[in-house]
Amino acid sequence: MVDFVLVLVVLVPLFLGILQVALVLLVRNTLASAASEGARYAASLDRGPADGAARTRSQIDGAVSGRFAQDIDAHSAMVDGAPGVEVTVRAVIPALGIGGPGIEVVVTGHAIEEQPP
């Protein structure tokens, strides 16, 4: 019985740490994808940065949770010397998704604006 407890003391924190890293990576990748999608949407010919922010918020809300879509900034910016749109998402990912101290994540998506023909 003592051996079982000694092994659990090592394995449980290791397992929880792996779960936390997986959660952070999942949310970060989802936010990055949503920011890129929002930037591409805002860069289309008949759209603006506000449309990109709304699209990003919708993507995040549908994929993970709306609480990660609280701080979204979309604005016009220069992307590699061309006019474009930049969407930035800031979120705090709580420990194991249930609360406690969080990890702040900041992701940015860029897209070059379409020009009329």
C-alpha atoms as a PDB file:
ATOM      1  CA  MET A   1       0.000   0.000   0.000  1.00  0.00           C
ATOM      2  CA  VAL A   2       2.845   2.397   0.782  1.00  0.00           C
ATOM      3  CA  ASP A   3       4.320   1.787  -2.670  1.00  0.00           C
ATOM      4  CA  PHE A   4       1.025   2.754  -4.287  1.00  0.00           C
ATOM      5  CA  VAL A   5       0.923   6.070  -2.396  1.00  0.00           C
ATOM      6  CA  LEU A   6       4.552   6.863  -3.218  1.00  0.00           C
ATOM      7  CA  VAL A   7       3.948   6.253  -6.910  1.00  0.00           C
ATOM      8  CA  LEU A   8       0.765   8.362  -6.882  1.00  0.00           C
ATOM      9  CA  VAL A   9       2.615  11.272  -5.285  1.00  0.00           C
ATOM     10  CA  VAL A  10       4.778  11.403  -8.413  1.00  0.00           C
ATOM     11  CA  LEU A  11       2.282  10.384 -11.095  1.00  0.00           C
ATOM     12  CA  VAL A  12      -0.714  12.585 -10.194  1.00  0.00           C
ATOM     13  CA  PRO A  13       1.145  15.941 -10.450  1.00  0.00           C
ATOM     14  CA  LEU A  14       2.844  14.736 -13.633  1.00  0.00           C
ATOM     15  CA  PHE A  15      -0.506  13.791 -15.158  1.00  0.00           C
ATOM     16  CA  LEU A  16      -2.108  17.100 -14.122  1.00  0.00           C
ATOM     17  CA  GLY A  17       0.845  19.021 -15.562  1.00  0.00           C
ATOM     18  CA  ILE A  18       0.460  17.254 -18.897  1.00  0.00           C
ATOM     19  CA  LEU A  19      -3.269  18.062 -18.891  1.00  0.00           C
ATOM     20  CA  GLN A  20      -2.521  21.743 -18.195  1.00  0.00           C
ATOM     21  CA  VAL A  21      -0.021  21.974 -21.059  1.00  0.00           C
ATOM     22  CA  ALA A  22      -2.506  20.284 -23.389  1.00  0.00           C
ATOM     23  CA  LEU A  23      -5.265  22.708 -22.360  1.00  0.00           C
ATOM     24  CA  VAL A  24      -3.044  25.756 -22.866  1.00  0.00           C
ATOM     25  CA  LEU A  25      -1.914  24.548 -26.296  1.00  0.00           C
ATOM     26  CA  LEU A  26      -5.471  23.758 -27.372  1.00  0.00           C
ATOM     27  CA  VAL A  27      -6.770  27.185 -26.364  1.00  0.00           C
ATOM     28  CA  ARG A  28      -3.739  29.035 -27.791  1.00  0.00           C
ATOM     29  CA  ASN A  29      -4.016  27.279 -31.157  1.00  0.00           C
ATOM     30  CA  THR A  30      -7.770  27.891 -31.268  1.00  0.00           C
ATOM     31  CA  LEU A  31      -7.300  31.595 -30.478  1.00  0.00           C
ATOM     32  CA  ALA A  32      -4.570  31.928 -33.122  1.00  0.00           C
ATOM     33  CA  SER A  33      -6.759  30.270 -35.725  1.00  0.00           C
ATOM     34  CA  ALA A  34      -9.734  32.480 -34.836  1.00  0.00           C
ATOM     35  CA  ALA A  35      -7.570  35.637 -34.953  1.00  0.00           C
ATOM     36  CA  SER A  36      -6.253  34.690 -38.403  1.00  0.00           C
ATOM     37  CA  GLU A  37      -9.750  33.903 -39.654  1.00  0.00           C
ATOM     38  CA  GLY A  38     -11.033  37.226 -38.292  1.00  0.00           C
ATOM     39  CA  ALA A  39      -8.182  39.128 -39.954  1.00  0.00           C
ATOM     40  CA  ARG A  40      -8.862  37.445 -43.304  1.00  0.00           C
ATOM     41  CA  TYR A  41     -12.564  38.210 -42.977  1.00  0.00           C
ATOM     42  CA  ALA A  42     -11.904  41.858 -42.086  1.00  0.00           C
ATOM     43  CA  ALA A  43      -9.482  42.204 -45.007  1.00  0.00           C
ATOM     44  CA  SER A  44     -12.098  41.266 -47.595  1.00  0.00           C
ATOM     45  CA  LEU A  45     -13.218  44.081 -49.871  1.00  0.00           C
ATOM     46  CA  ASP A  46     -16.560  44.927 -48.266  1.00  0.00           C
ATOM     47  CA  ARG A  47     -15.617  44.363 -44.591  1.00  0.00           C
ATOM     48  CA  GLY A  48     -13.872  46.311 -41.836  1.00  0.00           C
ATOM     49  CA  PRO A  49     -11.949  45.655 -38.613  1.00  0.00           C
ATOM     50  CA  ALA A  50     -15.170  45.565 -36.548  1.00  0.00           C
ATOM     51  CA  ASP A  51     -16.440  42.715 -38.738  1.00  0.00           C
ATOM     52  CA  GLY A  52     -13.169  40.860 -38.148  1.00  0.00           C
ATOM     53  CA  ALA A  53     -13.464  41.263 -34.377  1.00  0.00           C
ATOM     54  CA  ALA A  54     -17.037  39.965 -34.465  1.00  0.00           C
ATOM     55  CA  ARG A  55     -15.994  36.983 -36.611  1.00  0.00           C
ATOM     56  CA  THR A  56     -13.108  36.209 -34.247  1.00  0.00           C
ATOM     57  CA  ARG A  57     -15.430  36.396 -31.228  1.00  0.00           C
ATOM     58  CA  SER A  58     -17.897  34.064 -32.945  1.00  0.00           C
ATOM     59  CA  GLN A  59     -15.168  31.546 -33.822  1.00  0.00           C
ATOM     60  CA  ILE A  60     -13.806  31.487 -30.270  1.00  0.00           C
ATOM     61  CA  ASP A  61     -17.270  31.206 -28.733  1.00  0.00           C
ATOM     62  CA  GLY A  62     -18.111  28.269 -30.976  1.00  0.00           C
ATOM     63  CA  ALA A  63     -14.826  26.416 -30.486  1.00  0.00           C
ATOM     64  CA  VAL A  64     -13.824  26.778 -26.824  1.00  0.00           C
ATOM     65  CA  SER A  65     -15.680  29.303 -24.671  1.00  0.00           C
ATOM     66  CA  GLY A  66     -16.873  32.883 -24.878  1.00  0.00           C
ATOM     67  CA  ARG A  67     -14.864  33.787 -21.784  1.00  0.00           C
ATOM     68  CA  PHE A  68     -11.696  33.658 -23.912  1.00  0.00           C
ATOM     69  CA  ALA A  69     -13.199  36.216 -26.339  1.00  0.00           C
ATOM     70  CA  GLN A  70     -13.364  39.124 -23.900  1.00  0.00           C
ATOM     71  CA  ASP A  71     -10.329  41.107 -25.123  1.00  0.00           C
ATOM     72  CA  ILE A  72     -10.224  41.292 -28.932  1.00  0.00           C
ATOM     73  CA  ASP A  73      -8.628  44.206 -30.777  1.00  0.00           C
ATOM     74  CA  ALA A  74      -8.935  44.600 -34.552  1.00  0.00           C
ATOM     75  CA  HIS A  75      -7.423  47.528 -36.408  1.00  0.00           C
ATOM     76  CA  SER A  76      -5.856  48.524 -39.715  1.00  0.00           C
ATOM     77  CA  ALA A  77      -2.097  47.959 -39.872  1.00  0.00           C
ATOM     78  CA  MET A  78       0.734  47.631 -42.357  1.00  0.00           C
ATOM     79  CA  VAL A  79       1.459  43.990 -43.147  1.00  0.00           C
ATOM     80  CA  ASP A  80       4.809  43.552 -44.926  1.00  0.00           C
ATOM     81  CA  GLY A  81       4.506  47.059 -46.365  1.00  0.00           C
ATOM     82  CA  ALA A  82       0.961  46.603 -47.637  1.00  0.00           C
ATOM     83  CA  PRO A  83      -2.267  47.846 -46.034  1.00  0.00           C
ATOM     84  CA  GLY A  84      -3.862  45.137 -43.965  1.00  0.00           C
ATOM     85  CA  VAL A  85      -5.750  44.186 -40.839  1.00  0.00           C
ATOM     86  CA  GLU A  86      -4.397  42.942 -37.534  1.00  0.00           C
ATOM     87  CA  VAL A  87      -6.533  41.091 -34.990  1.00  0.00           C
ATOM     88  CA  THR A  88      -5.104  40.560 -31.489  1.00  0.00           C
ATOM     89  CA  VAL A  89      -6.685  38.306 -28.874  1.00  0.00           C
ATOM     90  CA  ARG A  90      -5.663  38.351 -25.214  1.00  0.00           C
ATOM     91  CA  ALA A  91      -6.957  35.685 -22.838  1.00  0.00           C
ATOM     92  CA  VAL A  92      -6.162  34.169 -19.470  1.00  0.00           C
ATOM     93  CA  ILE A  93      -6.330  30.381 -19.311  1.00  0.00           C
ATOM     94  CA  PRO A  94      -7.064  29.176 -15.766  1.00  0.00           C
ATOM     95  CA  ALA A  95      -5.338  26.173 -14.215  1.00  0.00           C
ATOM     96  CA  LEU A  96      -6.942  23.052 -15.673  1.00  0.00           C
ATOM     97  CA  GLY A  97      -9.835  25.201 -16.854  1.00  0.00           C
ATOM     98  CA  ILE A  98     -11.465  25.330 -13.431  1.00  0.00           C
ATOM     99  CA  GLY A  99      -9.944  28.380 -11.777  1.00  0.00           C
ATOM    100  CA  GLY A 100      -6.904  29.427  -9.870  1.00  0.00           C
ATOM    101  CA  PRO A 101      -3.900  31.260 -11.248  1.00  0.00           C
ATOM    102  CA  GLY A 102      -4.000  31.687 -14.984  1.00  0.00           C
ATOM    103  CA  ILE A 103      -1.618  31.790 -17.903  1.00  0.00           C
ATOM    104  CA  GLU A 104      -1.948  34.862 -20.120  1.00  0.00           C
ATOM    105  CA  VAL A 105      -1.896  34.194 -23.857  1.00  0.00           C
ATOM    106  CA  VAL A 106      -1.637  36.847 -26.576  1.00  0.00           C
ATOM    107  CA  VAL A 107      -2.069  35.846 -30.232  1.00  0.00           C
ATOM    108  CA  THR A 108      -2.225  37.956 -33.390  1.00  0.00           C
ATOM    109  CA  GLY A 109      -3.593  37.323 -36.868  1.00  0.00           C
ATOM    110  CA  HIS A 110      -2.666  39.398 -39.939  1.00  0.00           C
ATOM    111  CA  ALA A 111      -4.104  39.685 -43.438  1.00  0.00           C
ATOM    112  CA  ILE A 112      -3.483  41.980 -46.402  1.00  0.00           C
ATOM    113  CA  GLU A 113      -6.557  43.959 -47.464  1.00  0.00           C
ATOM    114  CA  GLU A 114      -8.169  43.207 -50.793  1.00  0.00           C
ATOM    115  CA  GLN A 115      -7.967  46.038 -53.293  1.00  0.00           C
ATOM    116  CA  PRO A 116     -10.756  46.859 -55.750  1.00  0.00           C
ATOM    117  CA  PRO A 117     -10.025  45.777 -59.326  1.00  0.00           C
END
